[in-house]
Amino acid sequence: MTTQASGVQAETRVSQLLQRRGWHLLERNWSCRWGELDLVLHKNRQLLVVEVKGRRSLAWGPWSVDPAKRRRLGRAISCWRAEHPMQAEWLLQVTVAVVPLPPARGAVRWFGLDQLC
């Protein structure tokens, strides 16, 4: 399986899991000149931005979101919110979802960006 196919599979798994938990998908692989947002979802006036990392080893998944990636995420989120002013006041949560590959191998692990400092 290619890296791109693995990434699509990981994003699909996370998206379906969150939708079963009541989140509604707004965007998948949304991009602007500043970066890309893997998943943007909403529930009860809350926005959830998820950076999905498919990994064969879970040891390094969340830490692959380094300071440069965080800056790109922040700029992309600002750009997305500027294009969607109705959601600009909603509470924002940014999470990293680490998906074991192959996907059937284990549970998705969740990390808030504040947990990675």
PDB file of N, CA and C in Angstrom:
ATOM      1  N   MET A   1       0.844  -1.176   0.000  1.00  0.00           N
ATOM      2  CA  MET A   1       0.000   0.000   0.000  1.00  0.00           C
ATOM      3  C   MET A   1       0.891   1.241   0.000  1.00  0.00           C
ATOM      4  N   THR A   2       0.550   2.234  -0.803  1.00  0.00           N
ATOM      5  CA  THR A   2       1.348   3.455  -0.887  1.00  0.00           C
ATOM      6  C   THR A   2       1.125   4.322   0.353  1.00  0.00           C
ATOM      7  N   THR A   3       2.045   5.256   0.566  1.00  0.00           N
ATOM      8  CA  THR A   3       1.925   6.185   1.686  1.00  0.00           C
ATOM      9  C   THR A   3       0.645   7.001   1.568  1.00  0.00           C
ATOM     10  N   GLN A   4       0.340   7.447   0.345  1.00  0.00           N
ATOM     11  CA  GLN A   4      -0.876   8.239   0.131  1.00  0.00           C
ATOM     12  C   GLN A   4      -2.125   7.413   0.441  1.00  0.00           C
ATOM     13  N   ALA A   5      -2.154   6.175  -0.010  1.00  0.00           N
ATOM     14  CA  ALA A   5      -3.310   5.311   0.254  1.00  0.00           C
ATOM     15  C   ALA A   5      -3.453   5.049   1.751  1.00  0.00           C
ATOM     16  N   SER A   6      -2.328   4.864   2.441  1.00  0.00           N
ATOM     17  CA  SER A   6      -2.370   4.670   3.892  1.00  0.00           C
ATOM     18  C   SER A   6      -2.923   5.905   4.585  1.00  0.00           C
ATOM     19  N   GLY A   7      -2.520   7.087   4.111  1.00  0.00           N
ATOM     20  CA  GLY A   7      -3.015   8.335   4.687  1.00  0.00           C
ATOM     21  C   GLY A   7      -4.508   8.501   4.500  1.00  0.00           C
ATOM     22  N   VAL A   8      -4.987   8.186   3.314  1.00  0.00           N
ATOM     23  CA  VAL A   8      -6.427   8.268   3.033  1.00  0.00           C
ATOM     24  C   VAL A   8      -7.178   7.300   3.938  1.00  0.00           C
ATOM     25  N   GLN A   9      -6.642   6.103   4.084  1.00  0.00           N
ATOM     26  CA  GLN A   9      -7.281   5.099   4.926  1.00  0.00           C
ATOM     27  C   GLN A   9      -7.325   5.559   6.388  1.00  0.00           C
ATOM     28  N   ALA A  10      -6.233   6.144   6.869  1.00  0.00           N
ATOM     29  CA  ALA A  10      -6.184   6.638   8.248  1.00  0.00           C
ATOM     30  C   ALA A  10      -7.182   7.781   8.450  1.00  0.00           C
ATOM     31  N   GLU A  11      -7.243   8.719   7.515  1.00  0.00           N
ATOM     32  CA  GLU A  11      -8.189   9.838   7.620  1.00  0.00           C
ATOM     33  C   GLU A  11      -9.631   9.341   7.596  1.00  0.00           C
ATOM     34  N   THR A  12      -9.912   8.363   6.757  1.00  0.00           N
ATOM     35  CA  THR A  12     -11.263   7.803   6.685  1.00  0.00           C
ATOM     36  C   THR A  12     -11.639   7.164   8.013  1.00  0.00           C
ATOM     37  N   ARG A  13     -10.713   6.433   8.596  1.00  0.00           N
ATOM     38  CA  ARG A  13     -10.995   5.773   9.874  1.00  0.00           C
ATOM     39  C   ARG A  13     -11.304   6.800  10.964  1.00  0.00           C
ATOM     40  N   VAL A  14     -10.494   7.852  11.054  1.00  0.00           N
ATOM     41  CA  VAL A  14     -10.702   8.884  12.074  1.00  0.00           C
ATOM     42  C   VAL A  14     -12.014   9.620  11.825  1.00  0.00           C
ATOM     43  N   SER A  15     -12.279   9.971  10.578  1.00  0.00           N
ATOM     44  CA  SER A  15     -13.512  10.677  10.235  1.00  0.00           C
ATOM     45  C   SER A  15     -14.741   9.854  10.619  1.00  0.00           C
ATOM     46  N   GLN A  16     -14.746   8.589  10.278  1.00  0.00           N
ATOM     47  CA  GLN A  16     -15.886   7.731  10.598  1.00  0.00           C
ATOM     48  C   GLN A  16     -16.058   7.572  12.106  1.00  0.00           C
ATOM     49  N   LEU A  17     -14.953   7.434  12.818  1.00  0.00           N
ATOM     50  CA  LEU A  17     -15.005   7.296  14.271  1.00  0.00           C
ATOM     51  C   LEU A  17     -15.625   8.541  14.912  1.00  0.00           C
ATOM     52  N   LEU A  18     -15.177   9.709  14.478  1.00  0.00           N
ATOM     53  CA  LEU A  18     -15.707  10.949  15.045  1.00  0.00           C
ATOM     54  C   LEU A  18     -17.168  11.173  14.655  1.00  0.00           C
ATOM     55  N   GLN A  19     -17.539  10.803  13.447  1.00  0.00           N
ATOM     56  CA  GLN A  19     -18.936  10.954  13.035  1.00  0.00           C
ATOM     57  C   GLN A  19     -19.850  10.040  13.853  1.00  0.00           C
ATOM     58  N   ARG A  20     -19.371   8.862  14.205  1.00  0.00           N
ATOM     59  CA  ARG A  20     -20.155   7.983  15.081  1.00  0.00           C
ATOM     60  C   ARG A  20     -20.314   8.601  16.472  1.00  0.00           C
ATOM     61  N   ARG A  21     -19.386   9.486  16.850  1.00  0.00           N
ATOM     62  CA  ARG A  21     -19.457  10.170  18.152  1.00  0.00           C
ATOM     63  C   ARG A  21     -20.231  11.488  18.075  1.00  0.00           C
ATOM     64  N   GLY A  22     -20.884  11.734  16.956  1.00  0.00           N
ATOM     65  CA  GLY A  22     -21.742  12.904  16.838  1.00  0.00           C
ATOM     66  C   GLY A  22     -21.132  14.125  16.175  1.00  0.00           C
ATOM     67  N   TRP A  23     -19.890  14.033  15.724  1.00  0.00           N
ATOM     68  CA  TRP A  23     -19.259  15.149  15.017  1.00  0.00           C
ATOM     69  C   TRP A  23     -19.710  15.140  13.562  1.00  0.00           C
ATOM     70  N   HIS A  24     -19.783  16.327  12.975  1.00  0.00           N
ATOM     71  CA  HIS A  24     -20.198  16.474  11.578  1.00  0.00           C
ATOM     72  C   HIS A  24     -19.010  16.984  10.771  1.00  0.00           C
ATOM     73  N   LEU A  25     -18.690  16.280   9.712  1.00  0.00           N
ATOM     74  CA  LEU A  25     -17.542  16.633   8.877  1.00  0.00           C
ATOM     75  C   LEU A  25     -17.858  17.868   8.041  1.00  0.00           C
ATOM     76  N   LEU A  26     -17.007  18.883   8.168  1.00  0.00           N
ATOM     77  CA  LEU A  26     -17.127  20.089   7.349  1.00  0.00           C
ATOM     78  C   LEU A  26     -16.153  20.064   6.184  1.00  0.00           C
ATOM     79  N   GLU A  27     -14.931  19.633   6.451  1.00  0.00           N
ATOM     80  CA  GLU A  27     -13.883  19.648   5.419  1.00  0.00           C
ATOM     81  C   GLU A  27     -12.969  18.441   5.595  1.00  0.00           C
ATOM     82  N   ARG A  28     -12.463  17.997   4.473  1.00  0.00           N
ATOM     83  CA  ARG A  28     -11.432  16.957   4.479  1.00  0.00           C
ATOM     84  C   ARG A  28     -10.356  17.396   3.496  1.00  0.00           C
ATOM     85  N   ASN A  29      -9.124  17.435   3.964  1.00  0.00           N
ATOM     86  CA  ASN A  29      -7.977  17.871   3.152  1.00  0.00           C
ATOM     87  C   ASN A  29      -8.187  19.268   2.577  1.00  0.00           C
ATOM     88  N   TRP A  30      -8.678  20.166   3.409  1.00  0.00           N
ATOM     89  CA  TRP A  30      -8.862  21.559   3.005  1.00  0.00           C
ATOM     90  C   TRP A  30      -7.490  22.220   2.972  1.00  0.00           C
ATOM     91  N   SER A  31      -7.230  23.008   1.939  1.00  0.00           N
ATOM     92  CA  SER A  31      -5.916  23.649   1.862  1.00  0.00           C
ATOM     93  C   SER A  31      -6.031  25.091   1.405  1.00  0.00           C
ATOM     94  N   CYS A  32      -5.038  25.848   1.803  1.00  0.00           N
ATOM     95  CA  CYS A  32      -4.862  27.224   1.363  1.00  0.00           C
ATOM     96  C   CYS A  32      -3.359  27.400   1.148  1.00  0.00           C
ATOM     97  N   ARG A  33      -2.949  28.585   0.820  1.00  0.00           N
ATOM     98  CA  ARG A  33      -1.525  28.794   0.545  1.00  0.00           C
ATOM     99  C   ARG A  33      -0.650  28.562   1.779  1.00  0.00           C
ATOM    100  N   TRP A  34      -1.244  28.566   2.972  1.00  0.00           N
ATOM    101  CA  TRP A  34      -0.460  28.446   4.208  1.00  0.00           C
ATOM    102  C   TRP A  34      -0.339  27.013   4.707  1.00  0.00           C
ATOM    103  N   GLY A  35      -1.178  26.114   4.232  1.00  0.00           N
ATOM    104  CA  GLY A  35      -1.095  24.739   4.714  1.00  0.00           C
ATOM    105  C   GLY A  35      -2.378  23.970   4.456  1.00  0.00           C
ATOM    106  N   GLU A  36      -2.452  22.792   5.052  1.00  0.00           N
ATOM    107  CA  GLU A  36      -3.593  21.903   4.854  1.00  0.00           C
ATOM    108  C   GLU A  36      -4.160  21.481   6.199  1.00  0.00           C
ATOM    109  N   LEU A  37      -5.473  21.327   6.246  1.00  0.00           N
ATOM    110  CA  LEU A  37      -6.162  20.784   7.411  1.00  0.00           C
ATOM    111  C   LEU A  37      -6.728  19.429   7.005  1.00  0.00           C
ATOM    112  N   ASP A  38      -6.292  18.368   7.696  1.00  0.00           N
ATOM    113  CA  ASP A  38      -6.746  17.025   7.331  1.00  0.00           C
ATOM    114  C   ASP A  38      -8.257  16.888   7.497  1.00  0.00           C
ATOM    115  N   LEU A  39      -8.758  17.204   8.693  1.00  0.00           N
ATOM    116  CA  LEU A  39     -10.189  17.093   8.972  1.00  0.00           C
ATOM    117  C   LEU A  39     -10.647  18.311   9.770  1.00  0.00           C
ATOM    118  N   VAL A  40     -11.792  18.854   9.396  1.00  0.00           N
ATOM    119  CA  VAL A  40     -12.441  19.913  10.169  1.00  0.00           C
ATOM    120  C   VAL A  40     -13.862  19.427  10.431  1.00  0.00           C
ATOM    121  N   LEU A  41     -14.221  19.345  11.710  1.00  0.00           N
ATOM    122  CA  LEU A  41     -15.537  18.842  12.095  1.00  0.00           C
ATOM    123  C   LEU A  41     -16.184  19.822  13.069  1.00  0.00           C
ATOM    124  N   HIS A  42     -17.489  19.657  13.278  1.00  0.00           N
ATOM    125  CA  HIS A  42     -18.165  20.500  14.262  1.00  0.00           C
ATOM    126  C   HIS A  42     -19.222  19.708  15.014  1.00  0.00           C
ATOM    127  N   LYS A  43     -19.487  20.201  16.234  1.00  0.00           N
ATOM    128  CA  LYS A  43     -20.540  19.642  17.075  1.00  0.00           C
ATOM    129  C   LYS A  43     -20.851  20.684  18.149  1.00  0.00           C
ATOM    130  N   ASN A  44     -22.105  21.049  18.287  1.00  0.00           N
ATOM    131  CA  ASN A  44     -22.534  21.975  19.344  1.00  0.00           C
ATOM    132  C   ASN A  44     -21.693  23.244  19.413  1.00  0.00           C
ATOM    133  N   ARG A  45     -21.547  23.935  18.295  1.00  0.00           N
ATOM    134  CA  ARG A  45     -20.794  25.188  18.215  1.00  0.00           C
ATOM    135  C   ARG A  45     -19.328  25.021  18.640  1.00  0.00           C
ATOM    136  N   GLN A  46     -18.792  23.853  18.392  1.00  0.00           N
ATOM    137  CA  GLN A  46     -17.376  23.571  18.619  1.00  0.00           C
ATOM    138  C   GLN A  46     -16.759  23.136  17.299  1.00  0.00           C
ATOM    139  N   LEU A  47     -15.554  23.601  17.046  1.00  0.00           N
ATOM    140  CA  LEU A  47     -14.792  23.150  15.883  1.00  0.00           C
ATOM    141  C   LEU A  47     -13.706  22.208  16.356  1.00  0.00           C
ATOM    142  N   LEU A  48     -13.496  21.164  15.607  1.00  0.00           N
ATOM    143  CA  LEU A  48     -12.421  20.224  15.880  1.00  0.00           C
ATOM    144  C   LEU A  48     -11.586  20.101  14.617  1.00  0.00           C
ATOM    145  N   VAL A  49     -10.319  20.470  14.722  1.00  0.00           N
ATOM    146  CA  VAL A  49      -9.373  20.301  13.617  1.00  0.00           C
ATOM    147  C   VAL A  49      -8.484  19.128  14.000  1.00  0.00           C
ATOM    148  N   VAL A  50      -8.403  18.144  13.123  1.00  0.00           N
ATOM    149  CA  VAL A  50      -7.638  16.933  13.415  1.00  0.00           C
ATOM    150  C   VAL A  50      -6.514  16.774  12.402  1.00  0.00           C
ATOM    151  N   GLU A  51      -5.305  16.670  12.915  1.00  0.00           N
ATOM    152  CA  GLU A  51      -4.136  16.319  12.109  1.00  0.00           C
ATOM    153  C   GLU A  51      -3.990  14.810  12.244  1.00  0.00           C
ATOM    154  N   VAL A  52      -4.133  14.092  11.145  1.00  0.00           N
ATOM    155  CA  VAL A  52      -4.110  12.626  11.171  1.00  0.00           C
ATOM    156  C   VAL A  52      -2.720  12.136  10.788  1.00  0.00           C
ATOM    157  N   LYS A  53      -2.174  11.250  11.620  1.00  0.00           N
ATOM    158  CA  LYS A  53      -0.866  10.653  11.367  1.00  0.00           C
ATOM    159  C   LYS A  53      -1.012   9.137  11.366  1.00  0.00           C
ATOM    160  N   GLY A  54      -0.830   8.530  10.217  1.00  0.00           N
ATOM    161  CA  GLY A  54      -0.809   7.076  10.132  1.00  0.00           C
ATOM    162  C   GLY A  54       0.617   6.613  10.384  1.00  0.00           C
ATOM    163  N   ARG A  55       0.800   5.692  11.317  1.00  0.00           N
ATOM    164  CA  ARG A  55       2.150   5.272  11.692  1.00  0.00           C
ATOM    165  C   ARG A  55       2.225   3.763  11.910  1.00  0.00           C
ATOM    166  N   ARG A  56       3.309   3.186  11.432  1.00  0.00           N
ATOM    167  CA  ARG A  56       3.568   1.771  11.718  1.00  0.00           C
ATOM    168  C   ARG A  56       4.055   1.617  13.157  1.00  0.00           C
ATOM    169  N   SER A  57       4.773   2.617  13.652  1.00  0.00           N
ATOM    170  CA  SER A  57       5.200   2.652  15.047  1.00  0.00           C
ATOM    171  C   SER A  57       4.549   3.864  15.694  1.00  0.00           C
ATOM    172  N   LEU A  58       3.828   3.661  16.782  1.00  0.00           N
ATOM    173  CA  LEU A  58       3.130   4.764  17.434  1.00  0.00           C
ATOM    174  C   LEU A  58       4.068   5.658  18.240  1.00  0.00           C
ATOM    175  N   ALA A  59       5.311   5.253  18.387  1.00  0.00           N
ATOM    176  CA  ALA A  59       6.237   5.992  19.240  1.00  0.00           C
ATOM    177  C   ALA A  59       6.436   7.435  18.795  1.00  0.00           C
ATOM    178  N   TRP A  60       6.470   7.701  17.488  1.00  0.00           N
ATOM    179  CA  TRP A  60       6.816   9.036  17.014  1.00  0.00           C
ATOM    180  C   TRP A  60       5.658   9.794  16.403  1.00  0.00           C
ATOM    181  N   GLY A  61       4.501   9.200  16.292  1.00  0.00           N
ATOM    182  CA  GLY A  61       3.373   9.840  15.623  1.00  0.00           C
ATOM    183  C   GLY A  61       3.061  11.256  16.054  1.00  0.00           C
ATOM    184  N   PRO A  62       2.730  11.488  17.330  1.00  0.00           N
ATOM    185  CA  PRO A  62       2.332  12.841  17.715  1.00  0.00           C
ATOM    186  C   PRO A  62       3.471  13.846  17.653  1.00  0.00           C
ATOM    187  N   TRP A  63       4.693  13.393  17.844  1.00  0.00           N
ATOM    188  CA  TRP A  63       5.824  14.314  17.850  1.00  0.00           C
ATOM    189  C   TRP A  63       6.277  14.694  16.449  1.00  0.00           C
ATOM    190  N   SER A  64       5.635  14.125  15.445  1.00  0.00           N
ATOM    191  CA  SER A  64       5.942  14.552  14.078  1.00  0.00           C
ATOM    192  C   SER A  64       5.308  15.908  13.771  1.00  0.00           C
ATOM    193  N   VAL A  65       4.465  16.394  14.672  1.00  0.00           N
ATOM    194  CA  VAL A  65       3.901  17.741  14.532  1.00  0.00           C
ATOM    195  C   VAL A  65       4.863  18.693  15.250  1.00  0.00           C
ATOM    196  N   ASP A  66       5.918  19.043  14.535  1.00  0.00           N
ATOM    197  CA  ASP A  66       6.974  19.890  15.103  1.00  0.00           C
ATOM    198  C   ASP A  66       6.553  21.362  15.090  1.00  0.00           C
ATOM    199  N   PRO A  67       7.374  22.256  15.637  1.00  0.00           N
ATOM    200  CA  PRO A  67       7.000  23.682  15.671  1.00  0.00           C
ATOM    201  C   PRO A  67       6.667  24.269  14.301  1.00  0.00           C
ATOM    202  N   ALA A  68       7.388  23.882  13.267  1.00  0.00           N
ATOM    203  CA  ALA A  68       7.087  24.402  11.925  1.00  0.00           C
ATOM    204  C   ALA A  68       5.706  23.931  11.465  1.00  0.00           C
ATOM    205  N   LYS A  69       5.380  22.668  11.712  1.00  0.00           N
ATOM    206  CA  LYS A  69       4.058  22.136  11.345  1.00  0.00           C
ATOM    207  C   LYS A  69       2.968  22.837  12.147  1.00  0.00           C
ATOM    208  N   ARG A  70       3.240  23.122  13.419  1.00  0.00           N
ATOM    209  CA  ARG A  70       2.263  23.840  14.248  1.00  0.00           C
ATOM    210  C   ARG A  70       1.987  25.232  13.681  1.00  0.00           C
ATOM    211  N   ARG A  71       3.037  25.914  13.238  1.00  0.00           N
ATOM    212  CA  ARG A  71       2.849  27.243  12.649  1.00  0.00           C
ATOM    213  C   ARG A  71       1.998  27.152  11.382  1.00  0.00           C
ATOM    214  N   ARG A  72       2.289  26.149  10.536  1.00  0.00           N
ATOM    215  CA  ARG A  72       1.491  25.976   9.317  1.00  0.00           C
ATOM    216  C   ARG A  72       0.029  25.669   9.658  1.00  0.00           C
ATOM    217  N   LEU A  73      -0.170  24.813  10.662  1.00  0.00           N
ATOM    218  CA  LEU A  73      -1.538  24.507  11.092  1.00  0.00           C
ATOM    219  C   LEU A  73      -2.247  25.767  11.574  1.00  0.00           C
ATOM    220  N   GLY A  74      -1.558  26.554  12.390  1.00  0.00           N
ATOM    221  CA  GLY A  74      -2.154  27.787  12.914  1.00  0.00           C
ATOM    222  C   GLY A  74      -2.545  28.749  11.808  1.00  0.00           C
ATOM    223  N   ARG A  75      -1.664  28.912  10.817  1.00  0.00           N
ATOM    224  CA  ARG A  75      -1.977  29.800   9.693  1.00  0.00           C
ATOM    225  C   ARG A  75      -3.132  29.249   8.861  1.00  0.00           C
ATOM    226  N   ALA A  76      -3.136  27.939   8.642  1.00  0.00           N
ATOM    227  CA  ALA A  76      -4.226  27.332   7.863  1.00  0.00           C
ATOM    228  C   ALA A  76      -5.558  27.463   8.608  1.00  0.00           C
ATOM    229  N   ILE A  77      -5.537  27.282   9.925  1.00  0.00           N
ATOM    230  CA  ILE A  77      -6.765  27.433  10.715  1.00  0.00           C
ATOM    231  C   ILE A  77      -7.268  28.871  10.632  1.00  0.00           C
ATOM    232  N   SER A  78      -6.369  29.835  10.746  1.00  0.00           N
ATOM    233  CA  SER A  78      -6.763  31.248  10.630  1.00  0.00           C
ATOM    234  C   SER A  78      -7.381  31.530   9.266  1.00  0.00           C
ATOM    235  N   CYS A  79      -6.798  30.964   8.226  1.00  0.00           N
ATOM    236  CA  CYS A  79      -7.311  31.137   6.866  1.00  0.00           C
ATOM    237  C   CYS A  79      -8.701  30.504   6.744  1.00  0.00           C
ATOM    238  N   TRP A  80      -8.870  29.303   7.276  1.00  0.00           N
ATOM    239  CA  TRP A  80     -10.164  28.622   7.220  1.00  0.00           C
ATOM    240  C   TRP A  80     -11.225  29.433   7.945  1.00  0.00           C
ATOM    241  N   ARG A  81     -10.883  29.926   9.134  1.00  0.00           N
ATOM    242  CA  ARG A  81     -11.849  30.706   9.920  1.00  0.00           C
ATOM    243  C   ARG A  81     -12.210  32.010   9.214  1.00  0.00           C
ATOM    244  N   ALA A  82     -11.260  32.615   8.514  1.00  0.00           N
ATOM    245  CA  ALA A  82     -11.548  33.845   7.767  1.00  0.00           C
ATOM    246  C   ALA A  82     -12.549  33.574   6.644  1.00  0.00           C
ATOM    247  N   GLU A  83     -12.467  32.388   6.048  1.00  0.00           N
ATOM    248  CA  GLU A  83     -13.405  32.011   4.985  1.00  0.00           C
ATOM    249  C   GLU A  83     -14.758  31.551   5.525  1.00  0.00           C
ATOM    250  N   HIS A  84     -14.827  31.267   6.816  1.00  0.00           N
ATOM    251  CA  HIS A  84     -16.057  30.761   7.440  1.00  0.00           C
ATOM    252  C   HIS A  84     -16.375  31.613   8.669  1.00  0.00           C
ATOM    253  N   PRO A  85     -16.737  32.878   8.470  1.00  0.00           N
ATOM    254  CA  PRO A  85     -16.912  33.787   9.605  1.00  0.00           C
ATOM    255  C   PRO A  85     -18.005  33.376  10.586  1.00  0.00           C
ATOM    256  N   MET A  86     -18.997  32.612  10.144  1.00  0.00           N
ATOM    257  CA  MET A  86     -20.049  32.184  11.073  1.00  0.00           C
ATOM    258  C   MET A  86     -19.484  31.290  12.170  1.00  0.00           C
ATOM    259  N   GLN A  87     -18.440  30.537  11.852  1.00  0.00           N
ATOM    260  CA  GLN A  87     -17.848  29.637  12.836  1.00  0.00           C
ATOM    261  C   GLN A  87     -16.682  30.277  13.593  1.00  0.00           C
ATOM    262  N   ALA A  88     -16.380  31.532  13.318  1.00  0.00           N
ATOM    263  CA  ALA A  88     -15.206  32.175  13.912  1.00  0.00           C
ATOM    264  C   ALA A  88     -15.295  32.268  15.432  1.00  0.00           C
ATOM    265  N   GLU A  89     -16.493  32.314  15.969  1.00  0.00           N
ATOM    266  CA  GLU A  89     -16.654  32.433  17.418  1.00  0.00           C
ATOM    267  C   GLU A  89     -16.773  31.083  18.115  1.00  0.00           C
ATOM    268  N   TRP A  90     -16.835  30.026  17.369  1.00  0.00           N
ATOM    269  CA  TRP A  90     -16.974  28.711  17.982  1.00  0.00           C
ATOM    270  C   TRP A  90     -15.687  28.318  18.699  1.00  0.00           C
ATOM    271  N   LEU A  91     -15.821  27.542  19.752  1.00  0.00           N
ATOM    272  CA  LEU A  91     -14.682  27.016  20.488  1.00  0.00           C
ATOM    273  C   LEU A  91     -13.867  26.117  19.561  1.00  0.00           C
ATOM    274  N   LEU A  92     -12.560  26.261  19.593  1.00  0.00           N
ATOM    275  CA  LEU A  92     -11.673  25.502  18.705  1.00  0.00           C
ATOM    276  C   LEU A  92     -10.832  24.519  19.498  1.00  0.00           C
ATOM    277  N   GLN A  93     -10.758  23.305  19.010  1.00  0.00           N
ATOM    278  CA  GLN A  93      -9.883  22.280  19.574  1.00  0.00           C
ATOM    279  C   GLN A  93      -9.059  21.704  18.431  1.00  0.00           C
ATOM    280  N   VAL A  94      -7.751  21.582  18.654  1.00  0.00           N
ATOM    281  CA  VAL A  94      -6.862  21.003  17.646  1.00  0.00           C
ATOM    282  C   VAL A  94      -6.262  19.736  18.243  1.00  0.00           C
ATOM    283  N   THR A  95      -6.397  18.641  17.515  1.00  0.00           N
ATOM    284  CA  THR A  95      -5.997  17.332  18.014  1.00  0.00           C
ATOM    285  C   THR A  95      -5.184  16.592  16.965  1.00  0.00           C
ATOM    286  N   VAL A  96      -4.235  15.803  17.442  1.00  0.00           N
ATOM    287  CA  VAL A  96      -3.492  14.891  16.576  1.00  0.00           C
ATOM    288  C   VAL A  96      -4.053  13.492  16.814  1.00  0.00           C
ATOM    289  N   ALA A  97      -4.445  12.818  15.747  1.00  0.00           N
ATOM    290  CA  ALA A  97      -4.919  11.435  15.830  1.00  0.00           C
ATOM    291  C   ALA A  97      -3.848  10.545  15.212  1.00  0.00           C
ATOM    292  N   VAL A  98      -3.312   9.634  16.016  1.00  0.00           N
ATOM    293  CA  VAL A  98      -2.293   8.706  15.531  1.00  0.00           C
ATOM    294  C   VAL A  98      -2.971   7.363  15.278  1.00  0.00           C
ATOM    295  N   VAL A  99      -2.934   6.950  14.021  1.00  0.00           N
ATOM    296  CA  VAL A  99      -3.630   5.742  13.586  1.00  0.00           C
ATOM    297  C   VAL A  99      -2.599   4.663  13.290  1.00  0.00           C
ATOM    298  N   PRO A 100      -2.691   3.523  13.976  1.00  0.00           N
ATOM    299  CA  PRO A 100      -1.754   2.441  13.685  1.00  0.00           C
ATOM    300  C   PRO A 100      -2.007   1.849  12.302  1.00  0.00           C
ATOM    301  N   LEU A 101      -0.927   1.581  11.592  1.00  0.00           N
ATOM    302  CA  LEU A 101      -1.020   0.967  10.269  1.00  0.00           C
ATOM    303  C   LEU A 101      -0.425  -0.428  10.325  1.00  0.00           C
ATOM    304  N   PRO A 102      -1.012  -1.418   9.711  1.00  0.00           N
ATOM    305  CA  PRO A 102      -2.310  -1.334   9.040  1.00  0.00           C
ATOM    306  C   PRO A 102      -3.409  -1.003  10.046  1.00  0.00           C
ATOM    307  N   PRO A 103      -4.493  -0.359   9.577  1.00  0.00           N
ATOM    308  CA  PRO A 103      -5.511   0.175  10.472  1.00  0.00           C
ATOM    309  C   PRO A 103      -6.143  -0.814  11.436  1.00  0.00           C
ATOM    310  N   ALA A 104      -6.245  -2.058  11.075  1.00  0.00           N
ATOM    311  CA  ALA A 104      -6.907  -3.013  11.962  1.00  0.00           C
ATOM    312  C   ALA A 104      -6.039  -3.378  13.162  1.00  0.00           C
ATOM    313  N   ARG A 105      -4.817  -2.832  13.227  1.00  0.00           N
ATOM    314  CA  ARG A 105      -3.852  -3.271  14.224  1.00  0.00           C
ATOM    315  C   ARG A 105      -4.061  -2.713  15.627  1.00  0.00           C
ATOM    316  N   GLY A 106      -4.794  -1.645  15.795  1.00  0.00           N
ATOM    317  CA  GLY A 106      -4.961  -1.102  17.142  1.00  0.00           C
ATOM    318  C   GLY A 106      -5.844   0.124  17.167  1.00  0.00           C
ATOM    319  N   ALA A 107      -5.973   0.666  18.367  1.00  0.00           N
ATOM    320  CA  ALA A 107      -6.843   1.816  18.582  1.00  0.00           C
ATOM    321  C   ALA A 107      -6.170   3.114  18.148  1.00  0.00           C
ATOM    322  N   VAL A 108      -6.990   4.068  17.748  1.00  0.00           N
ATOM    323  CA  VAL A 108      -6.510   5.410  17.440  1.00  0.00           C
ATOM    324  C   VAL A 108      -6.123   6.069  18.759  1.00  0.00           C
ATOM    325  N   ARG A 109      -4.986   6.763  18.763  1.00  0.00           N
ATOM    326  CA  ARG A 109      -4.550   7.506  19.955  1.00  0.00           C
ATOM    327  C   ARG A 109      -4.711   8.990  19.670  1.00  0.00           C
ATOM    328  N   TRP A 110      -5.198   9.730  20.662  1.00  0.00           N
ATOM    329  CA  TRP A 110      -5.517  11.150  20.511  1.00  0.00           C
ATOM    330  C   TRP A 110      -4.588  11.977  21.387  1.00  0.00           C
ATOM    331  N   PHE A 111      -4.093  13.075  20.835  1.00  0.00           N
ATOM    332  CA  PHE A 111      -3.221  13.981  21.572  1.00  0.00           C
ATOM    333  C   PHE A 111      -3.630  15.416  21.265  1.00  0.00           C
ATOM    334  N   GLY A 112      -3.956  16.181  22.288  1.00  0.00           N
ATOM    335  CA  GLY A 112      -4.147  17.615  22.098  1.00  0.00           C
ATOM    336  C   GLY A 112      -2.777  18.230  21.881  1.00  0.00           C
ATOM    337  N   LEU A 113      -2.688  19.268  21.080  1.00  0.00           N
ATOM    338  CA  LEU A 113      -1.376  19.863  20.811  1.00  0.00           C
ATOM    339  C   LEU A 113      -0.711  20.349  22.081  1.00  0.00           C
ATOM    340  N   ASP A 114      -1.480  20.744  23.092  1.00  0.00           N
ATOM    341  CA  ASP A 114      -0.880  21.188  24.348  1.00  0.00           C
ATOM    342  C   ASP A 114      -0.202  20.041  25.089  1.00  0.00           C
ATOM    343  N   GLN A 115      -0.563  18.800  24.807  1.00  0.00           N
ATOM    344  CA  GLN A 115       0.048  17.641  25.450  1.00  0.00           C
ATOM    345  C   GLN A 115       1.423  17.312  24.880  1.00  0.00           C
ATOM    346  N   LEU A 116       1.787  17.923  23.785  1.00  0.00           N
ATOM    347  CA  LEU A 116       3.038  17.576  23.114  1.00  0.00           C
ATOM    348  C   LEU A 116       4.182  18.505  23.496  1.00  0.00           C
ATOM    349  N   CYS A 117       3.924  19.490  24.331  1.00  0.00           N
ATOM    350  CA  CYS A 117       4.964  20.458  24.695  1.00  0.00           C
ATOM    351  C   CYS A 117       5.929  19.868  25.703  1.00  0.00           C
TER     352      CYS A 117
END
